[in-house]
Amino acid sequence: NGIVLDSPLANVLIKYKDPDGAEEHEITYPVVDADYHTELTEQDKFIASVVEFALILRDSEYKASADLDALITRLDSLDFANDEFKSEFRDLVKTYRSNSVKEQ
């Protein structure tokens, strides 16, 4: 409709602790109109994959039909050629699946 908002649509509050500390940190990110898009980016798909893996690991009630095979298929479809950390995450998920199958 062409309306441009001056204020954020929402604010995302992230709380975290350093792995070796007890001090809690907070970061707030404003979500503005320009952040909205209808197509998922490679980054969106990767972030969704990380969240899905966490839900699977916790056997969360919110995981719905999430499963490792579909997750790995999605990760394999993403281009991680220039990102060793994302490639390492994909390898971690594959190793987890391999070890899970051995334990059954």
N, C-alpha and C. Protein backbone atom coordinates (compact mmCIF):
# COMPACT_ATOMS: atom_id res chain seq x y z
N ASN A 1 0.80 -1.19 0.00
CA ASN A 1 0.00 0.00 0.00
C ASN A 1 0.85 1.26 0.00
N GLY A 2 2.17 1.11 0.04
CA GLY A 2 3.07 2.24 -0.06
C GLY A 2 3.28 3.01 1.24
N ILE A 3 2.77 2.51 2.35
CA ILE A 3 2.95 3.19 3.62
C ILE A 3 4.33 2.84 4.17
N VAL A 4 5.07 3.83 4.55
CA VAL A 4 6.38 3.63 5.16
C VAL A 4 6.27 4.00 6.63
N LEU A 5 6.64 3.05 7.46
CA LEU A 5 6.55 3.29 8.90
C LEU A 5 7.87 3.84 9.42
N ASP A 6 7.78 4.84 10.29
CA ASP A 6 8.99 5.38 10.89
C ASP A 6 9.43 4.55 12.09
N SER A 7 8.50 3.88 12.72
CA SER A 7 8.83 3.10 13.90
C SER A 7 8.91 1.61 13.54
N PRO A 8 9.63 0.84 14.34
CA PRO A 8 9.74 -0.59 14.06
C PRO A 8 8.39 -1.30 14.14
N LEU A 9 8.25 -2.35 13.34
CA LEU A 9 7.06 -3.19 13.41
C LEU A 9 7.07 -4.02 14.70
N ALA A 10 8.28 -4.39 15.11
CA ALA A 10 8.46 -5.20 16.32
C ALA A 10 9.91 -5.06 16.76
N ASN A 11 10.19 -5.51 17.94
CA ASN A 11 11.57 -5.58 18.43
C ASN A 11 11.83 -7.01 18.86
N VAL A 12 12.98 -7.52 18.47
CA VAL A 12 13.39 -8.87 18.85
C VAL A 12 14.43 -8.73 19.95
N LEU A 13 14.15 -9.33 21.09
CA LEU A 13 15.06 -9.28 22.22
C LEU A 13 15.75 -10.64 22.34
N ILE A 14 17.07 -10.63 22.29
CA ILE A 14 17.85 -11.86 22.41
C ILE A 14 18.65 -11.76 23.70
N LYS A 15 18.48 -12.77 24.55
CA LYS A 15 19.23 -12.86 25.79
C LYS A 15 20.16 -14.05 25.69
N TYR A 16 21.40 -13.87 26.16
CA TYR A 16 22.34 -14.98 26.11
C TYR A 16 23.39 -14.81 27.20
N LYS A 17 24.07 -15.92 27.48
CA LYS A 17 25.20 -15.91 28.40
C LYS A 17 26.40 -16.45 27.66
N ASP A 18 27.56 -15.93 28.00
CA ASP A 18 28.78 -16.48 27.44
C ASP A 18 28.93 -17.91 27.93
N PRO A 19 29.49 -18.80 27.11
CA PRO A 19 29.60 -20.21 27.51
C PRO A 19 30.34 -20.41 28.83
N ASP A 20 31.31 -19.56 29.14
CA ASP A 20 32.09 -19.74 30.36
C ASP A 20 31.76 -18.73 31.45
N GLY A 21 30.63 -18.08 31.33
CA GLY A 21 30.30 -17.05 32.32
C GLY A 21 28.86 -17.09 32.74
N ALA A 22 28.57 -16.35 33.78
CA ALA A 22 27.20 -16.29 34.29
C ALA A 22 26.53 -14.98 33.93
N GLU A 23 27.31 -14.03 33.40
CA GLU A 23 26.75 -12.72 33.08
C GLU A 23 25.82 -12.82 31.87
N GLU A 24 24.62 -12.28 32.04
CA GLU A 24 23.63 -12.31 30.96
C GLU A 24 23.76 -11.05 30.12
N HIS A 25 23.63 -11.23 28.80
CA HIS A 25 23.69 -10.12 27.86
C HIS A 25 22.35 -10.03 27.13
N GLU A 26 22.02 -8.83 26.68
CA GLU A 26 20.79 -8.62 25.90
C GLU A 26 21.12 -7.80 24.67
N ILE A 27 20.51 -8.19 23.55
CA ILE A 27 20.60 -7.43 22.32
C ILE A 27 19.18 -7.25 21.81
N THR A 28 18.83 -6.05 21.41
CA THR A 28 17.52 -5.79 20.84
C THR A 28 17.68 -5.36 19.39
N TYR A 29 16.96 -6.05 18.51
CA TYR A 29 16.98 -5.72 17.09
C TYR A 29 15.59 -5.22 16.67
N PRO A 30 15.52 -4.04 16.08
CA PRO A 30 14.23 -3.59 15.56
C PRO A 30 13.92 -4.29 14.24
N VAL A 31 12.68 -4.65 14.04
CA VAL A 31 12.23 -5.22 12.78
C VAL A 31 11.46 -4.11 12.07
N VAL A 32 11.96 -3.72 10.90
CA VAL A 32 11.36 -2.63 10.15
C VAL A 32 10.75 -3.15 8.86
N ASP A 33 9.96 -2.34 8.23
CA ASP A 33 9.26 -2.73 7.00
C ASP A 33 10.21 -3.28 5.94
N ALA A 34 11.39 -2.71 5.83
CA ALA A 34 12.36 -3.14 4.82
C ALA A 34 12.87 -4.56 5.07
N ASP A 35 12.70 -5.09 6.29
CA ASP A 35 13.15 -6.46 6.61
C ASP A 35 12.22 -7.52 6.04
N TYR A 36 11.02 -7.14 5.67
CA TYR A 36 10.03 -8.10 5.16
C TYR A 36 10.33 -8.46 3.71
N HIS A 37 10.29 -9.76 3.42
CA HIS A 37 10.41 -10.24 2.05
C HIS A 37 9.63 -11.54 1.92
N THR A 38 9.17 -11.84 0.74
CA THR A 38 8.30 -13.01 0.55
C THR A 38 9.08 -14.28 0.21
N GLU A 39 10.30 -14.14 -0.28
CA GLU A 39 11.12 -15.31 -0.61
C GLU A 39 12.19 -15.51 0.46
N LEU A 40 12.39 -16.76 0.86
CA LEU A 40 13.44 -17.04 1.83
C LEU A 40 14.81 -16.91 1.17
N THR A 41 15.72 -16.26 1.85
CA THR A 41 17.10 -16.17 1.38
C THR A 41 17.86 -17.41 1.84
N GLU A 42 19.06 -17.59 1.32
CA GLU A 42 19.92 -18.70 1.77
C GLU A 42 20.16 -18.56 3.28
N GLN A 43 20.35 -17.34 3.73
CA GLN A 43 20.58 -17.11 5.16
C GLN A 43 19.34 -17.50 5.98
N ASP A 44 18.15 -17.14 5.50
CA ASP A 44 16.91 -17.53 6.18
C ASP A 44 16.80 -19.04 6.30
N LYS A 45 17.10 -19.73 5.21
CA LYS A 45 17.01 -21.20 5.20
C LYS A 45 18.01 -21.82 6.16
N PHE A 46 19.20 -21.24 6.23
CA PHE A 46 20.20 -21.76 7.16
C PHE A 46 19.75 -21.55 8.60
N ILE A 47 19.28 -20.36 8.91
CA ILE A 47 18.82 -20.06 10.28
C ILE A 47 17.67 -21.00 10.67
N ALA A 48 16.75 -21.21 9.75
CA ALA A 48 15.63 -22.13 10.02
C ALA A 48 16.15 -23.55 10.26
N SER A 49 17.18 -23.93 9.56
CA SER A 49 17.77 -25.26 9.74
C SER A 49 18.40 -25.40 11.12
N VAL A 50 19.08 -24.37 11.59
CA VAL A 50 19.68 -24.40 12.93
C VAL A 50 18.58 -24.54 13.99
N VAL A 51 17.52 -23.77 13.84
CA VAL A 51 16.41 -23.85 14.79
C VAL A 51 15.76 -25.23 14.74
N GLU A 52 15.55 -25.75 13.53
CA GLU A 52 14.94 -27.08 13.40
C GLU A 52 15.81 -28.14 14.07
N PHE A 53 17.12 -28.06 13.90
CA PHE A 53 18.01 -29.04 14.53
C PHE A 53 17.89 -28.95 16.05
N ALA A 54 17.83 -27.74 16.59
CA ALA A 54 17.68 -27.58 18.04
C ALA A 54 16.37 -28.20 18.52
N LEU A 55 15.29 -28.02 17.78
CA LEU A 55 14.00 -28.61 18.15
C LEU A 55 14.07 -30.14 18.12
N ILE A 56 14.76 -30.68 17.13
CA ILE A 56 14.92 -32.13 17.03
C ILE A 56 15.74 -32.65 18.21
N LEU A 57 16.85 -31.98 18.50
CA LEU A 57 17.71 -32.41 19.61
C LEU A 57 16.98 -32.46 20.93
N ARG A 58 16.11 -31.48 21.14
CA ARG A 58 15.36 -31.40 22.40
C ARG A 58 14.10 -32.24 22.38
N ASP A 59 13.80 -32.84 21.22
CA ASP A 59 12.55 -33.55 21.02
C ASP A 59 11.38 -32.64 21.46
N SER A 60 11.46 -31.41 21.00
CA SER A 60 10.49 -30.39 21.39
C SER A 60 9.09 -30.71 20.90
N GLU A 61 8.13 -30.33 21.68
CA GLU A 61 6.73 -30.49 21.27
C GLU A 61 6.41 -29.60 20.08
N TYR A 62 7.26 -28.63 19.79
CA TYR A 62 7.04 -27.69 18.69
C TYR A 62 7.73 -28.11 17.38
N LYS A 63 8.38 -29.28 17.39
CA LYS A 63 9.12 -29.69 16.19
C LYS A 63 8.21 -30.17 15.06
N ALA A 64 6.97 -30.39 15.34
CA ALA A 64 6.00 -30.84 14.32
C ALA A 64 6.56 -32.05 13.59
N SER A 65 6.66 -31.98 12.26
CA SER A 65 7.12 -33.13 11.49
C SER A 65 8.61 -33.04 11.13
N ALA A 66 9.35 -32.20 11.83
CA ALA A 66 10.78 -32.04 11.55
C ALA A 66 11.50 -33.38 11.70
N ASP A 67 12.37 -33.68 10.75
CA ASP A 67 13.19 -34.88 10.87
C ASP A 67 14.57 -34.64 10.25
N LEU A 68 15.52 -35.44 10.68
CA LEU A 68 16.91 -35.25 10.27
C LEU A 68 17.12 -35.41 8.78
N ASP A 69 16.47 -36.36 8.15
CA ASP A 69 16.68 -36.58 6.72
C ASP A 69 16.26 -35.37 5.90
N ALA A 70 15.10 -34.80 6.21
CA ALA A 70 14.64 -33.61 5.50
C ALA A 70 15.56 -32.42 5.78
N LEU A 71 16.01 -32.32 7.01
CA LEU A 71 16.91 -31.25 7.39
C LEU A 71 18.22 -31.34 6.61
N ILE A 72 18.77 -32.53 6.52
CA ILE A 72 20.03 -32.72 5.79
C ILE A 72 19.84 -32.45 4.30
N THR A 73 18.72 -32.87 3.76
CA THR A 73 18.44 -32.57 2.35
C THR A 73 18.41 -31.06 2.12
N ARG A 74 17.78 -30.33 3.02
CA ARG A 74 17.73 -28.88 2.89
C ARG A 74 19.11 -28.26 3.03
N LEU A 75 19.90 -28.74 4.00
CA LEU A 75 21.25 -28.21 4.18
C LEU A 75 22.12 -28.50 2.95
N ASP A 76 21.96 -29.69 2.36
CA ASP A 76 22.74 -30.04 1.17
C ASP A 76 22.38 -29.17 -0.03
N SER A 77 21.18 -28.61 -0.02
CA SER A 77 20.76 -27.77 -1.16
C SER A 77 21.30 -26.33 -1.06
N LEU A 78 21.85 -25.98 0.10
CA LEU A 78 22.37 -24.62 0.29
C LEU A 78 23.83 -24.54 -0.12
N ASP A 79 24.26 -23.37 -0.55
CA ASP A 79 25.63 -23.15 -1.00
C ASP A 79 26.49 -22.66 0.16
N PHE A 80 27.34 -23.54 0.66
CA PHE A 80 28.22 -23.20 1.76
C PHE A 80 29.68 -23.13 1.31
N ALA A 81 29.92 -22.98 0.02
CA ALA A 81 31.27 -23.02 -0.53
C ALA A 81 32.21 -22.03 0.15
N ASN A 82 31.72 -20.89 0.55
CA ASN A 82 32.58 -19.85 1.13
C ASN A 82 32.35 -19.65 2.62
N ASP A 83 31.76 -20.63 3.28
CA ASP A 83 31.47 -20.47 4.70
C ASP A 83 31.77 -21.76 5.45
N GLU A 84 32.95 -21.82 6.01
CA GLU A 84 33.37 -23.05 6.68
C GLU A 84 32.52 -23.38 7.91
N PHE A 85 31.98 -22.34 8.58
CA PHE A 85 31.18 -22.59 9.77
C PHE A 85 29.84 -23.25 9.41
N LYS A 86 29.23 -22.80 8.33
CA LYS A 86 27.97 -23.41 7.89
C LYS A 86 28.22 -24.83 7.40
N SER A 87 29.33 -25.05 6.70
CA SER A 87 29.69 -26.40 6.25
C SER A 87 29.91 -27.31 7.46
N GLU A 88 30.56 -26.76 8.47
CA GLU A 88 30.81 -27.54 9.68
C GLU A 88 29.50 -27.89 10.38
N PHE A 89 28.55 -26.97 10.38
CA PHE A 89 27.25 -27.26 10.97
C PHE A 89 26.57 -28.41 10.22
N ARG A 90 26.59 -28.36 8.89
CA ARG A 90 26.00 -29.43 8.08
C ARG A 90 26.66 -30.76 8.42
N ASP A 91 27.99 -30.77 8.54
CA ASP A 91 28.71 -32.00 8.88
C ASP A 91 28.34 -32.49 10.27
N LEU A 92 28.14 -31.57 11.20
CA LEU A 92 27.72 -31.92 12.56
C LEU A 92 26.36 -32.61 12.55
N VAL A 93 25.42 -32.07 11.78
CA VAL A 93 24.08 -32.68 11.69
C VAL A 93 24.18 -34.08 11.09
N LYS A 94 24.99 -34.23 10.06
CA LYS A 94 25.17 -35.55 9.43
C LYS A 94 25.81 -36.54 10.40
N THR A 95 26.79 -36.08 11.17
CA THR A 95 27.43 -36.95 12.16
C THR A 95 26.42 -37.36 13.23
N TYR A 96 25.60 -36.42 13.66
CA TYR A 96 24.57 -36.72 14.67
C TYR A 96 23.62 -37.79 14.12
N ARG A 97 23.17 -37.62 12.88
CA ARG A 97 22.25 -38.61 12.29
C ARG A 97 22.93 -39.96 12.22
N SER A 98 24.17 -40.00 11.79
CA SER A 98 24.91 -41.26 11.67
C SER A 98 25.03 -41.95 13.03
N ASN A 99 25.35 -41.17 14.06
CA ASN A 99 25.46 -41.76 15.41
C ASN A 99 24.11 -42.16 15.96
N SER A 100 23.06 -41.44 15.62
CA SER A 100 21.71 -41.79 16.08
C SER A 100 21.26 -43.12 15.48
N VAL A 101 21.58 -43.33 14.22
CA VAL A 101 21.20 -44.57 13.54
C VAL A 101 21.96 -45.75 14.17
N LYS A 102 23.23 -45.57 14.53
CA LYS A 102 24.03 -46.63 15.16
C LYS A 102 23.47 -47.04 16.50
N GLU A 103 22.92 -46.06 17.24
CA GLU A 103 22.42 -46.34 18.58
C GLU A 103 21.09 -47.08 18.58
N GLN A 104 20.37 -47.04 17.47
CA GLN A 104 19.04 -47.67 17.44
C GLN A 104 19.10 -49.14 17.25
